[in-house]
């Protein structure tokens, strides 16, 4: 059971790393840096109709959608959907501004969740990751501001 359990944990960690690698916020991060980030990520499941983020509230976590679909709503109206591999919640998490939309599960979902507190601590302790994340965040926000 020992080696099999270690292998299963290793595979799960590698799967997390591969999901995080697709997140533009982590562009430029090395395999080792993605490994550090993956250790912060918890995997959760939610049924359809679960509210993951509420518009106007403070961001406390960042989500990567492993499986399933979520609807994005602003002022009660659906403005879009996100699917497997998409991510959300990073801007409010890093800028500590209110959430700009509500996100509700449309199907059963599996998610990776990273809390703001642990993520900010990692950024403080690892300047290389911090620089890469801030650069990617600036690229993501620039089209909105321009």
N, C-alpha and C. Protein backbone atom coordinates (compact mmCIF):
# COMPACT_ATOMS: atom_id res chain seq x y z
N UNK A 1 0.83 -1.20 0.00
CA UNK A 1 0.00 0.00 0.00
C UNK A 1 0.87 1.26 0.00
N UNK A 2 2.03 1.22 0.66
CA UNK A 2 2.89 2.39 0.75
C UNK A 2 3.29 2.96 -0.60
N UNK A 3 4.01 2.15 -1.44
CA UNK A 3 4.45 2.68 -2.75
C UNK A 3 3.28 3.07 -3.64
N UNK A 4 2.19 2.32 -3.59
CA UNK A 4 1.03 2.64 -4.42
C UNK A 4 0.45 3.99 -4.01
N UNK A 5 0.36 4.23 -2.70
CA UNK A 5 -0.16 5.51 -2.20
C UNK A 5 0.75 6.66 -2.63
N UNK A 6 2.04 6.48 -2.53
CA UNK A 6 3.00 7.52 -2.93
C UNK A 6 2.84 7.81 -4.42
N UNK A 7 2.70 6.76 -5.23
CA UNK A 7 2.52 6.94 -6.66
C UNK A 7 1.24 7.71 -6.95
N UNK A 8 0.14 7.37 -6.25
CA UNK A 8 -1.14 8.05 -6.46
C UNK A 8 -1.02 9.53 -6.10
N UNK A 9 -0.37 9.83 -4.98
CA UNK A 9 -0.16 11.22 -4.56
C UNK A 9 0.68 11.95 -5.60
N UNK A 10 1.73 11.31 -6.10
CA UNK A 10 2.61 11.90 -7.10
C UNK A 10 1.83 12.18 -8.39
N UNK A 11 1.01 11.22 -8.83
CA UNK A 11 0.21 11.43 -10.04
C UNK A 11 -0.76 12.59 -9.85
N UNK A 12 -1.39 12.64 -8.68
CA UNK A 12 -2.33 13.72 -8.41
C UNK A 12 -1.59 15.05 -8.43
N UNK A 13 -0.39 15.11 -7.86
CA UNK A 13 0.38 16.35 -7.85
C UNK A 13 0.77 16.74 -9.27
N UNK A 14 1.18 15.74 -10.08
CA UNK A 14 1.53 16.04 -11.47
C UNK A 14 0.32 16.54 -12.25
N UNK A 15 -0.86 15.98 -11.98
CA UNK A 15 -2.08 16.45 -12.65
C UNK A 15 -2.36 17.90 -12.26
N UNK A 16 -2.17 18.24 -10.99
CA UNK A 16 -2.36 19.63 -10.55
C UNK A 16 -1.38 20.55 -11.28
N UNK A 17 -0.13 20.11 -11.38
CA UNK A 17 0.89 20.93 -12.05
C UNK A 17 0.48 21.17 -13.51
N UNK A 18 0.00 20.13 -14.18
CA UNK A 18 -0.41 20.28 -15.59
C UNK A 18 -1.59 21.24 -15.73
N UNK A 19 -2.53 21.20 -14.80
CA UNK A 19 -3.65 22.15 -14.83
C UNK A 19 -3.15 23.57 -14.60
N UNK A 20 -2.27 23.74 -13.63
CA UNK A 20 -1.75 25.08 -13.32
C UNK A 20 -0.90 25.62 -14.47
N UNK A 21 -0.23 24.74 -15.19
CA UNK A 21 0.61 25.17 -16.32
C UNK A 21 -0.23 25.87 -17.39
N UNK A 22 -1.52 25.49 -17.52
CA UNK A 22 -2.41 26.08 -18.54
C UNK A 22 -2.99 27.42 -18.11
N UNK A 23 -2.79 27.80 -16.85
CA UNK A 23 -3.34 29.06 -16.34
C UNK A 23 -2.41 30.20 -16.73
N UNK A 24 -2.88 31.17 -17.53
CA UNK A 24 -2.01 32.26 -17.96
C UNK A 24 -1.35 33.03 -16.82
N UNK A 25 -1.98 33.03 -15.65
CA UNK A 25 -1.39 33.72 -14.50
C UNK A 25 -0.03 33.12 -14.15
N UNK A 26 0.18 31.85 -14.49
CA UNK A 26 1.43 31.17 -14.15
C UNK A 26 2.35 30.99 -15.35
N UNK A 27 2.10 31.76 -16.43
CA UNK A 27 3.00 31.73 -17.58
C UNK A 27 4.41 32.03 -17.10
N UNK A 28 5.34 31.29 -17.59
CA UNK A 28 6.73 31.56 -17.24
C UNK A 28 7.21 30.85 -15.99
N UNK A 29 6.31 30.25 -15.22
CA UNK A 29 6.74 29.53 -14.02
C UNK A 29 7.37 28.20 -14.42
N UNK A 30 8.44 27.85 -13.74
CA UNK A 30 9.13 26.59 -14.01
C UNK A 30 8.34 25.41 -13.42
N UNK A 31 8.76 24.21 -13.78
CA UNK A 31 8.14 23.00 -13.23
C UNK A 31 8.22 23.02 -11.70
N UNK A 32 9.36 23.41 -11.18
CA UNK A 32 9.56 23.46 -9.72
C UNK A 32 8.62 24.49 -9.08
N UNK A 33 8.51 25.67 -9.71
CA UNK A 33 7.63 26.71 -9.18
C UNK A 33 6.17 26.28 -9.24
N UNK A 34 5.77 25.62 -10.34
CA UNK A 34 4.41 25.11 -10.43
C UNK A 34 4.17 24.05 -9.36
N UNK A 35 5.20 23.28 -9.05
CA UNK A 35 5.10 22.29 -7.97
C UNK A 35 4.83 22.96 -6.63
N UNK A 36 5.51 24.08 -6.39
CA UNK A 36 5.28 24.83 -5.14
C UNK A 36 3.84 25.34 -5.08
N UNK A 37 3.36 25.87 -6.19
CA UNK A 37 1.99 26.38 -6.25
C UNK A 37 0.99 25.24 -6.07
N UNK A 38 1.27 24.08 -6.70
CA UNK A 38 0.34 22.95 -6.63
C UNK A 38 0.16 22.45 -5.20
N UNK A 39 1.19 22.61 -4.37
CA UNK A 39 1.07 22.16 -2.97
C UNK A 39 0.06 22.99 -2.19
N UNK A 40 -0.26 24.17 -2.69
CA UNK A 40 -1.25 25.03 -2.03
C UNK A 40 -2.67 24.71 -2.45
N UNK A 41 -2.81 23.97 -3.56
CA UNK A 41 -4.12 23.74 -4.17
C UNK A 41 -4.83 22.54 -3.55
N UNK A 42 -6.07 22.76 -3.14
CA UNK A 42 -6.94 21.68 -2.68
C UNK A 42 -7.91 21.35 -3.80
N UNK A 43 -8.25 20.08 -3.93
CA UNK A 43 -9.24 19.68 -4.93
C UNK A 43 -10.58 19.49 -4.23
N UNK A 44 -11.62 20.13 -4.78
CA UNK A 44 -12.97 20.00 -4.22
C UNK A 44 -13.96 19.66 -5.32
N UNK A 45 -15.11 19.14 -4.93
CA UNK A 45 -16.21 18.87 -5.86
C UNK A 45 -17.43 19.64 -5.38
N UNK A 46 -18.24 20.11 -6.33
CA UNK A 46 -19.47 20.83 -6.00
C UNK A 46 -20.58 20.36 -6.94
N UNK A 47 -21.82 20.31 -6.44
CA UNK A 47 -22.95 19.92 -7.28
C UNK A 47 -23.42 21.11 -8.13
N UNK A 48 -24.30 20.86 -9.11
CA UNK A 48 -24.88 21.97 -9.87
C UNK A 48 -25.62 22.93 -8.95
N UNK A 49 -25.56 24.22 -9.26
CA UNK A 49 -26.28 25.23 -8.48
C UNK A 49 -25.50 25.80 -7.30
N UNK A 50 -24.27 25.36 -7.09
CA UNK A 50 -23.46 25.88 -5.98
C UNK A 50 -22.84 27.22 -6.37
N UNK A 51 -22.95 28.21 -5.48
CA UNK A 51 -22.33 29.51 -5.73
C UNK A 51 -20.89 29.46 -5.23
N UNK A 52 -19.95 29.69 -6.13
CA UNK A 52 -18.53 29.64 -5.80
C UNK A 52 -17.98 31.02 -5.45
N UNK A 53 -18.48 32.03 -6.14
CA UNK A 53 -18.05 33.42 -5.95
C UNK A 53 -19.30 34.29 -6.01
N UNK A 54 -19.36 35.29 -5.12
CA UNK A 54 -20.50 36.21 -5.11
C UNK A 54 -20.01 37.61 -5.45
N UNK A 55 -20.64 38.20 -6.45
CA UNK A 55 -20.32 39.56 -6.89
C UNK A 55 -20.34 40.52 -5.71
N UNK A 56 -19.31 41.39 -5.65
CA UNK A 56 -19.25 42.40 -4.61
C UNK A 56 -18.55 41.98 -3.33
N UNK A 57 -18.29 40.67 -3.15
CA UNK A 57 -17.61 40.22 -1.93
C UNK A 57 -16.10 40.24 -2.13
N UNK A 58 -15.38 40.18 -1.04
CA UNK A 58 -13.91 40.18 -1.09
C UNK A 58 -13.42 38.82 -1.58
N UNK A 59 -12.40 38.84 -2.44
CA UNK A 59 -11.82 37.60 -2.95
C UNK A 59 -10.97 36.91 -1.90
N UNK A 60 -11.29 35.65 -1.62
CA UNK A 60 -10.52 34.88 -0.65
C UNK A 60 -9.87 33.65 -1.27
N UNK A 61 -10.26 33.31 -2.52
CA UNK A 61 -9.68 32.16 -3.17
C UNK A 61 -9.73 32.31 -4.69
N UNK A 62 -8.93 31.47 -5.31
CA UNK A 62 -8.75 31.44 -6.76
C UNK A 62 -9.08 30.01 -7.20
N UNK A 63 -9.77 29.83 -8.31
CA UNK A 63 -10.24 28.52 -8.74
C UNK A 63 -9.71 28.15 -10.13
N UNK A 64 -9.37 26.87 -10.30
CA UNK A 64 -9.09 26.29 -11.60
C UNK A 64 -10.12 25.18 -11.79
N UNK A 65 -10.85 25.24 -12.90
CA UNK A 65 -11.92 24.28 -13.18
C UNK A 65 -11.30 23.00 -13.77
N UNK A 66 -11.32 21.92 -13.00
CA UNK A 66 -10.76 20.64 -13.43
C UNK A 66 -11.72 19.94 -14.37
N UNK A 67 -12.98 19.86 -13.99
CA UNK A 67 -14.03 19.22 -14.79
C UNK A 67 -15.33 19.97 -14.56
N UNK A 68 -16.13 20.13 -15.62
CA UNK A 68 -17.45 20.72 -15.47
C UNK A 68 -17.56 22.10 -16.08
N UNK A 69 -18.71 22.72 -15.81
CA UNK A 69 -19.04 24.03 -16.37
C UNK A 69 -19.62 24.93 -15.29
N UNK A 70 -19.24 26.20 -15.32
CA UNK A 70 -19.82 27.20 -14.41
C UNK A 70 -20.38 28.35 -15.24
N UNK A 71 -21.40 29.02 -14.70
CA UNK A 71 -21.96 30.20 -15.32
C UNK A 71 -21.46 31.44 -14.59
N UNK A 72 -21.16 32.46 -15.36
CA UNK A 72 -20.70 33.74 -14.81
C UNK A 72 -21.85 34.72 -14.95
N UNK A 73 -22.22 35.36 -13.83
CA UNK A 73 -23.34 36.30 -13.82
C UNK A 73 -22.90 37.65 -13.27
N UNK A 74 -23.43 38.68 -13.89
CA UNK A 74 -23.20 40.04 -13.38
C UNK A 74 -24.55 40.70 -13.24
N UNK A 75 -24.81 41.22 -12.05
CA UNK A 75 -26.11 41.86 -11.74
C UNK A 75 -27.27 40.93 -12.08
N UNK A 76 -27.08 39.63 -11.80
CA UNK A 76 -28.14 38.65 -11.99
C UNK A 76 -28.27 38.09 -13.39
N UNK A 77 -27.57 38.66 -14.37
CA UNK A 77 -27.68 38.20 -15.76
C UNK A 77 -26.46 37.38 -16.14
N UNK A 78 -26.73 36.27 -16.83
CA UNK A 78 -25.62 35.43 -17.29
C UNK A 78 -24.84 36.16 -18.38
N UNK A 79 -23.52 36.27 -18.18
CA UNK A 79 -22.68 36.95 -19.17
C UNK A 79 -21.71 35.98 -19.85
N UNK A 80 -21.67 34.73 -19.37
CA UNK A 80 -20.77 33.76 -20.00
C UNK A 80 -20.70 32.47 -19.21
N UNK A 81 -19.93 31.54 -19.76
CA UNK A 81 -19.70 30.25 -19.11
C UNK A 81 -18.22 29.94 -19.17
N UNK A 82 -17.75 29.15 -18.24
CA UNK A 82 -16.37 28.67 -18.22
C UNK A 82 -16.40 27.16 -18.16
N UNK A 83 -15.41 26.51 -18.80
CA UNK A 83 -15.36 25.07 -18.87
C UNK A 83 -14.02 24.54 -18.35
N UNK A 84 -13.89 23.23 -18.41
CA UNK A 84 -12.70 22.54 -17.97
C UNK A 84 -11.43 23.26 -18.42
N UNK A 85 -10.52 23.51 -17.47
CA UNK A 85 -9.26 24.17 -17.77
C UNK A 85 -9.30 25.67 -17.55
N UNK A 86 -10.50 26.27 -17.50
CA UNK A 86 -10.61 27.70 -17.26
C UNK A 86 -10.34 28.00 -15.78
N UNK A 87 -10.13 29.26 -15.48
CA UNK A 87 -9.84 29.68 -14.11
C UNK A 87 -10.53 31.00 -13.85
N UNK A 88 -10.73 31.29 -12.56
CA UNK A 88 -11.40 32.54 -12.19
C UNK A 88 -11.10 32.87 -10.74
N UNK A 89 -11.24 34.16 -10.43
CA UNK A 89 -11.05 34.63 -9.07
C UNK A 89 -9.68 35.20 -8.78
N UNK A 90 -8.78 35.18 -9.77
CA UNK A 90 -7.40 35.58 -9.51
C UNK A 90 -7.23 37.08 -9.33
N UNK A 91 -8.00 37.89 -10.03
CA UNK A 91 -7.77 39.34 -9.95
C UNK A 91 -8.22 39.88 -8.59
N UNK A 92 -9.41 39.49 -8.15
CA UNK A 92 -9.87 39.94 -6.83
C UNK A 92 -8.97 39.41 -5.73
N UNK A 93 -8.45 38.21 -5.93
CA UNK A 93 -7.56 37.60 -4.94
C UNK A 93 -6.28 38.41 -4.79
N UNK A 94 -5.67 38.76 -5.91
CA UNK A 94 -4.38 39.45 -5.87
C UNK A 94 -4.50 40.94 -5.60
N UNK A 95 -5.59 41.55 -6.05
CA UNK A 95 -5.72 43.00 -5.89
C UNK A 95 -6.54 43.36 -4.65
N UNK A 96 -7.15 42.36 -4.04
CA UNK A 96 -8.00 42.56 -2.86
C UNK A 96 -9.14 43.54 -3.14
N UNK A 97 -9.67 43.48 -4.37
CA UNK A 97 -10.83 44.28 -4.74
C UNK A 97 -12.07 43.38 -4.72
N UNK A 98 -13.27 43.96 -4.66
CA UNK A 98 -14.48 43.13 -4.65
C UNK A 98 -14.61 42.31 -5.93
N UNK A 99 -15.24 41.15 -5.81
CA UNK A 99 -15.50 40.28 -6.96
C UNK A 99 -16.38 41.03 -7.95
N UNK A 100 -16.08 40.87 -9.25
CA UNK A 100 -16.82 41.60 -10.28
C UNK A 100 -17.98 40.79 -10.84
N UNK A 101 -18.12 39.53 -10.41
CA UNK A 101 -19.20 38.69 -10.93
C UNK A 101 -19.50 37.59 -9.92
N UNK A 102 -20.65 36.94 -10.13
CA UNK A 102 -21.04 35.76 -9.36
C UNK A 102 -20.78 34.55 -10.26
N UNK A 103 -20.22 33.49 -9.69
CA UNK A 103 -19.95 32.27 -10.45
C UNK A 103 -20.70 31.13 -9.78
N UNK A 104 -21.56 30.45 -10.58
CA UNK A 104 -22.41 29.36 -10.09
C UNK A 104 -22.17 28.12 -10.94
N UNK A 105 -22.09 26.96 -10.30
CA UNK A 105 -21.87 25.72 -11.05
C UNK A 105 -23.10 25.39 -11.89
N UNK A 106 -22.87 25.06 -13.16
CA UNK A 106 -23.95 24.68 -14.07
C UNK A 106 -24.09 23.15 -14.14
N UNK A 107 -22.98 22.47 -13.87
CA UNK A 107 -22.93 21.01 -13.86
C UNK A 107 -22.17 20.61 -12.59
N UNK A 108 -22.10 19.31 -12.27
CA UNK A 108 -21.18 18.92 -11.19
C UNK A 108 -19.77 19.33 -11.61
N UNK A 109 -18.99 19.86 -10.69
CA UNK A 109 -17.64 20.32 -11.02
C UNK A 109 -16.61 19.77 -10.02
N UNK A 110 -15.38 19.68 -10.53
CA UNK A 110 -14.20 19.46 -9.69
C UNK A 110 -13.32 20.67 -9.91
N UNK A 111 -12.77 21.19 -8.82
CA UNK A 111 -11.99 22.42 -8.87
C UNK A 111 -10.70 22.28 -8.06
N UNK A 112 -9.69 23.03 -8.49
CA UNK A 112 -8.54 23.27 -7.63
C UNK A 112 -8.79 24.64 -7.00
N UNK A 113 -8.59 24.73 -5.70
CA UNK A 113 -8.82 25.98 -4.97
C UNK A 113 -7.53 26.36 -4.26
N UNK A 114 -7.12 27.61 -4.44
CA UNK A 114 -5.95 28.14 -3.73
C UNK A 114 -6.43 29.34 -2.94
N UNK A 115 -6.19 29.32 -1.63
CA UNK A 115 -6.63 30.44 -0.79
C UNK A 115 -5.68 31.62 -0.95
N UNK A 116 -6.23 32.80 -0.79
CA UNK A 116 -5.45 34.02 -0.94
C UNK A 116 -4.33 34.12 0.05
N UNK A 117 -4.58 33.76 1.30
CA UNK A 117 -3.57 33.90 2.35
C UNK A 117 -2.34 33.06 2.03
N UNK A 118 -2.53 31.79 1.67
CA UNK A 118 -1.38 30.93 1.38
C UNK A 118 -0.69 31.36 0.09
N UNK A 119 -1.48 31.81 -0.90
CA UNK A 119 -0.88 32.24 -2.16
C UNK A 119 -0.05 33.51 -1.96
N UNK A 120 -0.57 34.47 -1.21
CA UNK A 120 0.20 35.70 -0.96
C UNK A 120 1.48 35.40 -0.18
N UNK A 121 1.41 34.45 0.75
CA UNK A 121 2.61 34.06 1.51
C UNK A 121 3.66 33.47 0.57
N UNK A 122 3.22 32.61 -0.36
CA UNK A 122 4.15 32.03 -1.33
C UNK A 122 4.80 33.13 -2.15
N UNK A 123 4.01 34.11 -2.61
CA UNK A 123 4.56 35.20 -3.41
C UNK A 123 5.58 36.01 -2.61
N UNK A 124 5.31 36.24 -1.33
CA UNK A 124 6.24 36.99 -0.48
C UNK A 124 7.54 36.22 -0.29
N UNK A 125 7.43 34.91 -0.14
CA UNK A 125 8.61 34.08 0.15
C UNK A 125 9.38 33.69 -1.11
N UNK A 126 8.77 33.84 -2.29
CA UNK A 126 9.39 33.40 -3.53
C UNK A 126 9.32 34.53 -4.56
N UNK A 127 10.28 35.46 -4.51
CA UNK A 127 10.26 36.60 -5.42
C UNK A 127 10.21 36.22 -6.90
N UNK A 128 10.81 35.10 -7.29
CA UNK A 128 10.79 34.70 -8.70
C UNK A 128 9.36 34.43 -9.16
N UNK A 129 8.59 33.72 -8.34
CA UNK A 129 7.19 33.45 -8.69
C UNK A 129 6.40 34.74 -8.67
N UNK A 130 6.66 35.59 -7.68
CA UNK A 130 5.94 36.86 -7.57
C UNK A 130 6.10 37.68 -8.84
N UNK A 131 7.32 37.80 -9.34
CA UNK A 131 7.56 38.59 -10.54
C UNK A 131 6.82 38.05 -11.74
N UNK A 132 6.82 36.72 -11.90
CA UNK A 132 6.14 36.10 -13.04
C UNK A 132 4.63 36.28 -12.95
N UNK A 133 4.08 36.12 -11.75
CA UNK A 133 2.64 36.28 -11.56
C UNK A 133 2.21 37.73 -11.80
N UNK A 134 2.98 38.67 -11.29
CA UNK A 134 2.63 40.08 -11.48
C UNK A 134 2.71 40.49 -12.95
N UNK A 135 3.70 39.96 -13.67
CA UNK A 135 3.81 40.24 -15.10
C UNK A 135 2.61 39.69 -15.85
N UNK A 136 2.23 38.44 -15.54
CA UNK A 136 1.08 37.82 -16.20
C UNK A 136 -0.21 38.55 -15.84
N UNK A 137 -0.35 38.99 -14.60
CA UNK A 137 -1.54 39.72 -14.17
C UNK A 137 -1.62 41.06 -14.92
N UNK A 138 -0.50 41.74 -15.06
CA UNK A 138 -0.49 43.02 -15.78
C UNK A 138 -0.93 42.83 -17.23
N UNK A 139 -0.48 41.74 -17.87
CA UNK A 139 -0.88 41.45 -19.26
C UNK A 139 -2.37 41.17 -19.34
N UNK A 140 -2.90 40.51 -18.32
CA UNK A 140 -4.33 40.13 -18.32
C UNK A 140 -5.22 41.36 -18.07
N UNK A 141 -4.76 42.28 -17.23
CA UNK A 141 -5.56 43.45 -16.87
C UNK A 141 -5.42 44.56 -17.91
N UNK A 142 -4.28 44.65 -18.60
CA UNK A 142 -4.01 45.72 -19.55
C UNK A 142 -5.11 45.91 -20.60
N UNK A 143 -5.61 44.83 -21.25
CA UNK A 143 -6.67 45.04 -22.25
C UNK A 143 -7.95 45.62 -21.65
N UNK A 144 -8.23 45.30 -20.39
CA UNK A 144 -9.42 45.81 -19.72
C UNK A 144 -9.29 47.31 -19.50
N UNK A 145 -8.07 47.73 -19.14
CA UNK A 145 -7.84 49.15 -18.82
C UNK A 145 -7.65 49.99 -20.08
N UNK A 146 -7.12 49.38 -21.13
CA UNK A 146 -6.78 50.12 -22.34
C UNK A 146 -7.94 50.29 -23.20
